[in-house]
PDB file of N, CA and C in Angstrom:
ATOM      1  N   UNK A   1       4.579 -28.927  -1.346  1.00  0.00           N
ATOM      2  CA  UNK A   1       3.910 -27.920  -2.273  1.00  0.00           C
ATOM      3  C   UNK A   1       3.975 -26.565  -1.054  1.00  0.00           C
ATOM      4  N   UNK A   2       4.501 -25.799  -1.384  1.00  0.00           N
ATOM      5  CA  UNK A   2       4.528 -24.098  -0.805  1.00  0.00           C
ATOM      6  C   UNK A   2       3.151 -23.647  -1.333  1.00  0.00           C
ATOM      7  N   UNK A   3       3.027 -22.350   0.033  1.00  0.00           N
ATOM      8  CA  UNK A   3       2.095 -21.866  -0.120  1.00  0.00           C
ATOM      9  C   UNK A   3       1.944 -20.671   0.061  1.00  0.00           C
ATOM     10  N   UNK A   4       4.240 -20.176  -0.064  1.00  0.00           N
ATOM     11  CA  UNK A   4       4.196 -18.651   0.319  1.00  0.00           C
ATOM     12  C   UNK A   4       3.895 -17.781  -0.740  1.00  0.00           C
ATOM     13  N   UNK A   5       3.649 -16.785  -0.613  1.00  0.00           N
ATOM     14  CA  UNK A   5       3.017 -15.671  -2.177  1.00  0.00           C
ATOM     15  C   UNK A   5       4.577 -14.900  -2.670  1.00  0.00           C
ATOM     16  N   UNK A   6       4.774 -15.123  -3.485  1.00  0.00           N
ATOM     17  CA  UNK A   6       5.964 -15.024  -4.454  1.00  0.00           C
ATOM     18  C   UNK A   6       5.268 -12.846  -4.809  1.00  0.00           C
ATOM     19  N   UNK A   7       6.110 -12.293  -4.238  1.00  0.00           N
ATOM     20  CA  UNK A   7       5.762 -10.403  -4.035  1.00  0.00           C
ATOM     21  C   UNK A   7       6.246 -10.140  -5.326  1.00  0.00           C
ATOM     22  N   UNK A   8       5.513  -9.231  -5.695  1.00  0.00           N
ATOM     23  CA  UNK A   8       6.252  -8.598  -6.738  1.00  0.00           C
ATOM     24  C   UNK A   8       7.809  -7.543  -6.414  1.00  0.00           C
ATOM     25  N   UNK A   9       7.847  -6.940  -7.303  1.00  0.00           N
ATOM     26  CA  UNK A   9       9.334  -6.310  -7.146  1.00  0.00           C
ATOM     27  C   UNK A   9       8.445  -5.002  -6.961  1.00  0.00           C
ATOM     28  N   UNK A  10       9.601  -4.326  -5.989  1.00  0.00           N
ATOM     29  CA  UNK A  10       8.980  -2.974  -5.649  1.00  0.00           C
ATOM     30  C   UNK A  10       9.854  -1.915  -5.988  1.00  0.00           C
ATOM     31  N   UNK A  11       9.176  -0.917  -6.598  1.00  0.00           N
ATOM     32  CA  UNK A  11       9.540   0.076  -7.325  1.00  0.00           C
ATOM     33  C   UNK A  11       9.971   1.235  -6.385  1.00  0.00           C
ATOM     34  N   UNK A  12       8.888   1.706  -4.904  1.00  0.00           N
ATOM     35  CA  UNK A  12       9.388   2.420  -4.088  1.00  0.00           C
ATOM     36  C   UNK A  12       8.622   2.065  -2.327  1.00  0.00           C
ATOM     37  N   UNK A  13       9.009   2.682  -1.656  1.00  0.00           N
ATOM     38  CA  UNK A  13       8.390   2.198  -0.362  1.00  0.00           C
ATOM     39  C   UNK A  13       7.943   3.470   0.091  1.00  0.00           C
ATOM     40  N   UNK A  14       7.058   3.340   1.208  1.00  0.00           N
ATOM     41  CA  UNK A  14       6.905   4.564   1.608  1.00  0.00           C
ATOM     42  C   UNK A  14       6.462   3.875   3.728  1.00  0.00           C
ATOM     43  N   UNK A  15       7.709   4.468   4.189  1.00  0.00           N
ATOM     44  CA  UNK A  15       7.039   4.391   6.079  1.00  0.00           C
ATOM     45  C   UNK A  15       6.766   5.257   6.594  1.00  0.00           C
ATOM     46  N   UNK A  16       4.747   4.335   6.867  1.00  0.00           N
ATOM     47  CA  UNK A  16       3.678   5.446   7.488  1.00  0.00           C
ATOM     48  C   UNK A  16       3.896   5.435   9.067  1.00  0.00           C
ATOM     49  N   UNK A  17       4.551   4.466   9.886  1.00  0.00           N
ATOM     50  CA  UNK A  17       4.711   4.208  10.858  1.00  0.00           C
ATOM     51  C   UNK A  17       4.485   5.537  11.849  1.00  0.00           C
ATOM     52  N   UNK A  18       4.036   5.033  12.948  1.00  0.00           N
ATOM     53  CA  UNK A  18       3.874   5.800  13.036  1.00  0.00           C
ATOM     54  C   UNK A  18       3.061   7.484  13.161  1.00  0.00           C
ATOM     55  N   UNK A  19       2.783   7.194  11.765  1.00  0.00           N
ATOM     56  CA  UNK A  19       1.241   8.352  11.596  1.00  0.00           C
ATOM     57  C   UNK A  19       0.291   8.129  11.903  1.00  0.00           C
ATOM     58  N   UNK A  20      -0.534   8.500  12.147  1.00  0.00           N
ATOM     59  CA  UNK A  20      -2.346   8.275  12.067  1.00  0.00           C
ATOM     60  C   UNK A  20      -3.074   9.346  11.402  1.00  0.00           C
ATOM     61  N   UNK A  21      -4.530   8.498  11.105  1.00  0.00           N
ATOM     62  CA  UNK A  21      -5.314   8.608  10.152  1.00  0.00           C
ATOM     63  C   UNK A  21      -5.839  10.056  10.218  1.00  0.00           C
ATOM     64  N   UNK A  22      -5.563  10.728   9.116  1.00  0.00           N
ATOM     65  CA  UNK A  22      -5.319  10.328   7.777  1.00  0.00           C
ATOM     66  C   UNK A  22      -4.232  10.149   6.869  1.00  0.00           C
ATOM     67  N   UNK A  23      -3.464  10.561   7.753  1.00  0.00           N
ATOM     68  CA  UNK A  23      -2.487  10.817   7.196  1.00  0.00           C
ATOM     69  C   UNK A  23      -1.511  10.271   6.416  1.00  0.00           C
ATOM     70  N   UNK A  24      -1.245   8.727   6.645  1.00  0.00           N
ATOM     71  CA  UNK A  24      -0.919   7.263   5.763  1.00  0.00           C
ATOM     72  C   UNK A  24      -1.193   7.525   4.273  1.00  0.00           C
ATOM     73  N   UNK A  25      -2.841   7.430   4.176  1.00  0.00           N
ATOM     74  CA  UNK A  25      -3.239   7.334   3.082  1.00  0.00           C
ATOM     75  C   UNK A  25      -2.903   8.690   2.564  1.00  0.00           C
ATOM     76  N   UNK A  26      -3.087   9.944   2.866  1.00  0.00           N
ATOM     77  CA  UNK A  26      -2.398  11.802   2.138  1.00  0.00           C
ATOM     78  C   UNK A  26      -1.347  10.787   1.412  1.00  0.00           C
ATOM     79  N   UNK A  27      -0.182  10.172   2.508  1.00  0.00           N
ATOM     80  CA  UNK A  27       1.159   9.582   1.956  1.00  0.00           C
ATOM     81  C   UNK A  27       1.300   8.730   0.827  1.00  0.00           C
ATOM     82  N   UNK A  28       0.314   7.934   0.522  1.00  0.00           N
ATOM     83  CA  UNK A  28       0.228   6.677   0.067  1.00  0.00           C
ATOM     84  C   UNK A  28      -0.174   7.814  -1.362  1.00  0.00           C
ATOM     85  N   UNK A  29      -1.166   8.673  -1.163  1.00  0.00           N
ATOM     86  CA  UNK A  29      -1.904   9.461  -2.464  1.00  0.00           C
ATOM     87  C   UNK A  29      -0.673  10.423  -3.227  1.00  0.00           C
ATOM     88  N   UNK A  30       0.413  11.081  -2.515  1.00  0.00           N
ATOM     89  CA  UNK A  30       1.087  11.752  -2.806  1.00  0.00           C
ATOM     90  C   UNK A  30       2.016  10.763  -3.329  1.00  0.00           C
ATOM     91  N   UNK A  31       2.498   9.453  -3.026  1.00  0.00           N
ATOM     92  CA  UNK A  31       3.318   8.975  -3.577  1.00  0.00           C
ATOM     93  C   UNK A  31       3.538   8.914  -4.835  1.00  0.00           C
ATOM     94  N   UNK A  32       1.856   7.954  -4.829  1.00  0.00           N
ATOM     95  CA  UNK A  32       1.315   7.314  -5.944  1.00  0.00           C
ATOM     96  C   UNK A  32       1.052   8.091  -7.284  1.00  0.00           C
ATOM     97  N   UNK A  33       1.517   9.523  -7.022  1.00  0.00           N
ATOM     98  CA  UNK A  33       0.781  10.416  -7.711  1.00  0.00           C
ATOM     99  C   UNK A  33       2.585  10.492  -8.955  1.00  0.00           C
ATOM    100  N   UNK A  34       3.517  10.474  -8.298  1.00  0.00           N
ATOM    101  CA  UNK A  34       4.577  10.419  -8.472  1.00  0.00           C
ATOM    102  C   UNK A  34       5.373   9.322  -9.430  1.00  0.00           C
ATOM    103  N   UNK A  35       4.311   8.345  -9.389  1.00  0.00           N
ATOM    104  CA  UNK A  35       5.335   7.523 -10.224  1.00  0.00           C
ATOM    105  C   UNK A  35       4.014   7.126 -11.445  1.00  0.00           C
ATOM    106  N   UNK A  36       4.779   5.810 -11.897  1.00  0.00           N
ATOM    107  CA  UNK A  36       4.125   5.847 -13.444  1.00  0.00           C
ATOM    108  C   UNK A  36       3.471   4.815 -13.189  1.00  0.00           C
ATOM    109  N   UNK A  37       2.663   4.391 -14.381  1.00  0.00           N
ATOM    110  CA  UNK A  37       1.447   3.027 -14.442  1.00  0.00           C
ATOM    111  C   UNK A  37       2.480   1.497 -14.106  1.00  0.00           C
ATOM    112  N   UNK A  38       1.802   0.724 -13.235  1.00  0.00           N
ATOM    113  CA  UNK A  38       2.739  -0.088 -13.420  1.00  0.00           C
ATOM    114  C   UNK A  38       3.808  -0.180 -11.726  1.00  0.00           C
ATOM    115  N   UNK A  39       4.273   0.625 -11.631  1.00  0.00           N
ATOM    116  CA  UNK A  39       5.218   0.833 -10.562  1.00  0.00           C
ATOM    117  C   UNK A  39       3.841   0.120  -9.440  1.00  0.00           C
ATOM    118  N   UNK A  40       5.246  -0.645  -8.370  1.00  0.00           N
ATOM    119  CA  UNK A  40       4.455  -1.078  -7.450  1.00  0.00           C
ATOM    120  C   UNK A  40       5.210  -0.327  -6.058  1.00  0.00           C
ATOM    121  N   UNK A  41       4.440  -0.106  -4.705  1.00  0.00           N
ATOM    122  CA  UNK A  41       4.675   0.947  -3.828  1.00  0.00           C
ATOM    123  C   UNK A  41       4.465  -0.282  -2.467  1.00  0.00           C
ATOM    124  N   UNK A  42       5.046  -0.483  -1.892  1.00  0.00           N
ATOM    125  CA  UNK A  42       5.490  -0.974  -0.333  1.00  0.00           C
ATOM    126  C   UNK A  42       4.857  -0.112   0.390  1.00  0.00           C
ATOM    127  N   UNK A  43       4.342   0.035   0.987  1.00  0.00           N
ATOM    128  CA  UNK A  43       3.886   0.905   2.341  1.00  0.00           C
ATOM    129  C   UNK A  43       3.892   0.097   3.476  1.00  0.00           C
ATOM    130  N   UNK A  44       4.515   0.332   4.367  1.00  0.00           N
ATOM    131  CA  UNK A  44       4.477  -0.013   5.915  1.00  0.00           C
ATOM    132  C   UNK A  44       4.108   0.710   7.185  1.00  0.00           C
ATOM    133  N   UNK A  45       3.162   0.131   7.731  1.00  0.00           N
ATOM    134  CA  UNK A  45       1.991   1.547   8.791  1.00  0.00           C
ATOM    135  C   UNK A  45       1.500   0.630   9.849  1.00  0.00           C
ATOM    136  N   UNK A  46       1.755   1.243  11.085  1.00  0.00           N
ATOM    137  CA  UNK A  46       0.870   0.808  12.300  1.00  0.00           C
ATOM    138  C   UNK A  46      -0.106   1.435  12.862  1.00  0.00           C
ATOM    139  N   UNK A  47      -1.118   2.118  11.751  1.00  0.00           N
ATOM    140  CA  UNK A  47      -2.294   2.575  12.113  1.00  0.00           C
ATOM    141  C   UNK A  47      -3.605   1.776  12.150  1.00  0.00           C
ATOM    142  N   UNK A  48      -4.353   0.973  12.727  1.00  0.00           N
ATOM    143  CA  UNK A  48      -4.715   0.226  12.386  1.00  0.00           C
ATOM    144  C   UNK A  48      -5.977   0.668  11.723  1.00  0.00           C
ATOM    145  N   UNK A  49      -6.375   1.738  11.372  1.00  0.00           N
ATOM    146  CA  UNK A  49      -7.322   2.400  10.350  1.00  0.00           C
ATOM    147  C   UNK A  49      -6.966   2.144   8.740  1.00  0.00           C
ATOM    148  N   UNK A  50      -5.158   1.710   8.459  1.00  0.00           N
ATOM    149  CA  UNK A  50      -5.078   1.551   7.322  1.00  0.00           C
ATOM    150  C   UNK A  50      -5.501   0.342   6.849  1.00  0.00           C
ATOM    151  N   UNK A  51      -5.895  -0.873   7.518  1.00  0.00           N
ATOM    152  CA  UNK A  51      -6.076  -2.487   7.430  1.00  0.00           C
ATOM    153  C   UNK A  51      -8.015  -1.907   6.536  1.00  0.00           C
ATOM    154  N   UNK A  52      -8.085  -1.257   6.668  1.00  0.00           N
ATOM    155  CA  UNK A  52      -9.455  -0.612   6.138  1.00  0.00           C
ATOM    156  C   UNK A  52      -9.041   0.651   4.590  1.00  0.00           C
ATOM    157  N   UNK A  53      -8.882   1.372   5.442  1.00  0.00           N
ATOM    158  CA  UNK A  53      -8.232   2.828   4.460  1.00  0.00           C
ATOM    159  C   UNK A  53      -7.752   2.312   3.241  1.00  0.00           C
ATOM    160  N   UNK A  54      -6.565   1.727   3.490  1.00  0.00           N
ATOM    161  CA  UNK A  54      -5.596   1.337   2.038  1.00  0.00           C
ATOM    162  C   UNK A  54      -6.363   0.790   1.062  1.00  0.00           C
ATOM    163  N   UNK A  55      -7.176  -0.458   1.619  1.00  0.00           N
ATOM    164  CA  UNK A  55      -8.030  -1.047   0.189  1.00  0.00           C
ATOM    165  C   UNK A  55      -9.066  -0.604  -0.528  1.00  0.00           C
ATOM    166  N   UNK A  56      -9.518   0.550   0.722  1.00  0.00           N
ATOM    167  CA  UNK A  56     -11.011   1.559   0.481  1.00  0.00           C
ATOM    168  C   UNK A  56     -10.443   2.381  -1.299  1.00  0.00           C
ATOM    169  N   UNK A  57      -8.901   2.961  -0.694  1.00  0.00           N
ATOM    170  CA  UNK A  57      -8.318   4.059  -1.257  1.00  0.00           C
ATOM    171  C   UNK A  57      -8.157   3.486  -3.037  1.00  0.00           C
ATOM    172  N   UNK A  58      -7.565   2.206  -2.396  1.00  0.00           N
ATOM    173  CA  UNK A  58      -6.780   1.655  -4.085  1.00  0.00           C
ATOM    174  C   UNK A  58      -8.251   1.093  -4.646  1.00  0.00           C
ATOM    175  N   UNK A  59      -9.320   1.176  -4.346  1.00  0.00           N
ATOM    176  CA  UNK A  59     -10.269   0.375  -4.658  1.00  0.00           C
ATOM    177  C   UNK A  59     -10.976   1.540  -5.376  1.00  0.00           C
ATOM    178  N   UNK A  60     -11.504   2.553  -4.976  1.00  0.00           N
ATOM    179  CA  UNK A  60     -11.805   3.772  -5.463  1.00  0.00           C
ATOM    180  C   UNK A  60     -10.894   4.875  -6.237  1.00  0.00           C
ATOM    181  N   UNK A  61      -9.242   4.367  -6.050  1.00  0.00           N
ATOM    182  CA  UNK A  61      -8.464   5.783  -7.030  1.00  0.00           C
ATOM    183  C   UNK A  61      -8.201   4.388  -8.129  1.00  0.00           C
ATOM    184  N   UNK A  62      -8.709   3.288  -8.392  1.00  0.00           N
ATOM    185  CA  UNK A  62      -8.738   2.003  -9.231  1.00  0.00           C
ATOM    186  C   UNK A  62      -6.864   2.218  -9.585  1.00  0.00           C
ATOM    187  N   UNK A  63      -6.362   1.947  -8.372  1.00  0.00           N
ATOM    188  CA  UNK A  63      -4.992   1.195  -8.381  1.00  0.00           C
ATOM    189  C   UNK A  63      -5.288  -0.810  -7.953  1.00  0.00           C
ATOM    190  N   UNK A  64      -4.074  -1.544  -7.544  1.00  0.00           N
ATOM    191  CA  UNK A  64      -4.378  -2.817  -7.169  1.00  0.00           C
ATOM    192  C   UNK A  64      -3.718  -2.949  -6.113  1.00  0.00           C
ATOM    193  N   UNK A  65      -4.688  -3.353  -5.355  1.00  0.00           N
ATOM    194  CA  UNK A  65      -3.847  -3.913  -3.565  1.00  0.00           C
ATOM    195  C   UNK A  65      -3.717  -5.284  -4.305  1.00  0.00           C
ATOM    196  N   UNK A  66      -2.008  -5.443  -4.399  1.00  0.00           N
ATOM    197  CA  UNK A  66      -1.760  -7.159  -4.457  1.00  0.00           C
ATOM    198  C   UNK A  66      -1.439  -7.732  -3.770  1.00  0.00           C
ATOM    199  N   UNK A  67      -1.221  -7.089  -2.504  1.00  0.00           N
ATOM    200  CA  UNK A  67      -0.991  -8.107  -1.895  1.00  0.00           C
ATOM    201  C   UNK A  67      -1.255  -7.039  -0.328  1.00  0.00           C
ATOM    202  N   UNK A  68      -1.369  -7.812   1.054  1.00  0.00           N
ATOM    203  CA  UNK A  68      -1.580  -7.012   2.041  1.00  0.00           C
ATOM    204  C   UNK A  68      -1.282  -8.466   3.478  1.00  0.00           C
ATOM    205  N   UNK A  69      -0.217  -8.106   4.451  1.00  0.00           N
ATOM    206  CA  UNK A  69       0.288  -8.714   5.831  1.00  0.00           C
ATOM    207  C   UNK A  69      -0.615  -7.468   6.758  1.00  0.00           C
ATOM    208  N   UNK A  70      -1.680  -8.003   7.459  1.00  0.00           N
ATOM    209  CA  UNK A  70      -2.391  -7.199   8.435  1.00  0.00           C
ATOM    210  C   UNK A  70      -2.480  -7.881   9.708  1.00  0.00           C
ATOM    211  N   UNK A  71      -1.569  -9.373  10.082  1.00  0.00           N
ATOM    212  CA  UNK A  71      -2.136  -9.796  10.540  1.00  0.00           C
ATOM    213  C   UNK A  71      -1.197  -9.609  12.492  1.00  0.00           C
ATOM    214  N   UNK A  72      -0.087  -8.840  12.134  1.00  0.00           N
ATOM    215  CA  UNK A  72       0.540  -7.981  13.451  1.00  0.00           C
ATOM    216  C   UNK A  72       0.803  -6.410  12.829  1.00  0.00           C
ATOM    217  N   UNK A  73       0.578  -5.824  13.363  1.00  0.00           N
ATOM    218  CA  UNK A  73       1.607  -4.810  13.207  1.00  0.00           C
ATOM    219  C   UNK A  73       3.019  -4.374  13.423  1.00  0.00           C
ATOM    220  N   UNK A  74       3.872  -4.240  12.498  1.00  0.00           N
ATOM    221  CA  UNK A  74       3.942  -3.366  10.850  1.00  0.00           C
ATOM    222  C   UNK A  74       2.777  -3.782  10.254  1.00  0.00           C
ATOM    223  N   UNK A  75       1.426  -3.478   9.748  1.00  0.00           N
ATOM    224  CA  UNK A  75       1.257  -3.910   8.632  1.00  0.00           C
ATOM    225  C   UNK A  75       1.764  -3.309   7.091  1.00  0.00           C
ATOM    226  N   UNK A  76       1.774  -4.230   6.219  1.00  0.00           N
ATOM    227  CA  UNK A  76       2.669  -4.267   5.342  1.00  0.00           C
ATOM    228  C   UNK A  76       1.226  -4.171   3.563  1.00  0.00           C
ATOM    229  N   UNK A  77       1.616  -3.428   2.473  1.00  0.00           N
ATOM    230  CA  UNK A  77       0.338  -2.916   1.419  1.00  0.00           C
ATOM    231  C   UNK A  77       1.489  -3.144  -0.040  1.00  0.00           C
ATOM    232  N   UNK A  78       1.114  -3.846  -1.193  1.00  0.00           N
ATOM    233  CA  UNK A  78       1.964  -3.733  -2.042  1.00  0.00           C
ATOM    234  C   UNK A  78       0.493  -3.461  -3.028  1.00  0.00           C
ATOM    235  N   UNK A  79       0.761  -2.438  -3.771  1.00  0.00           N
ATOM    236  CA  UNK A  79       0.069  -1.108  -4.430  1.00  0.00           C
ATOM    237  C   UNK A  79       0.665  -1.301  -6.039  1.00  0.00           C
ATOM    238  N   UNK A  80      -0.151  -1.725  -6.881  1.00  0.00           N
ATOM    239  CA  UNK A  80       0.887  -0.799  -7.769  1.00  0.00           C
ATOM    240  C   UNK A  80      -0.209  -0.318  -8.759  1.00  0.00           C
ATOM    241  N   UNK A  81      -0.258   0.827  -9.271  1.00  0.00           N
ATOM    242  CA  UNK A  81      -0.446   2.181  -9.930  1.00  0.00           C
ATOM    243  C   UNK A  81      -0.911   1.803 -10.919  1.00  0.00           C
ATOM    244  N   UNK A  82      -2.351   2.188 -11.038  1.00  0.00           N
ATOM    245  CA  UNK A  82      -3.397   1.930 -12.203  1.00  0.00           C
ATOM    246  C   UNK A  82      -3.135   2.625 -12.858  1.00  0.00           C
ATOM    247  N   UNK A  83      -4.059   3.278 -14.183  1.00  0.00           N
ATOM    248  CA  UNK A  83      -4.183   4.175 -15.208  1.00  0.00           C
ATOM    249  C   UNK A  83      -3.908   5.576 -14.158  1.00  0.00           C
ATOM    250  N   UNK A  84      -3.374   6.584 -15.634  1.00  0.00           N
ATOM    251  CA  UNK A  84      -3.330   7.902 -14.565  1.00  0.00           C
ATOM    252  C   UNK A  84      -4.651   9.017 -14.749  1.00  0.00           C
TER     253      UNK A  84
END
């Protein structure tokens, strides 16, 4: 039995490596605004604060955090845009 996660098709990618709080979340917010409902954004970041900030952003803005990989940097987040 495979425990591999099937990741969704990605519509956009955002490389936020090298940026520090609050820049990664600000860039995620700007990018998500340009997307349509249901599209998926893959974010790559290396700021440890994103492990807290990106899930909080998704919950507050009602976007779905489909999957995250936060064991080692760079961290990766798959975000599906919710309703406008």
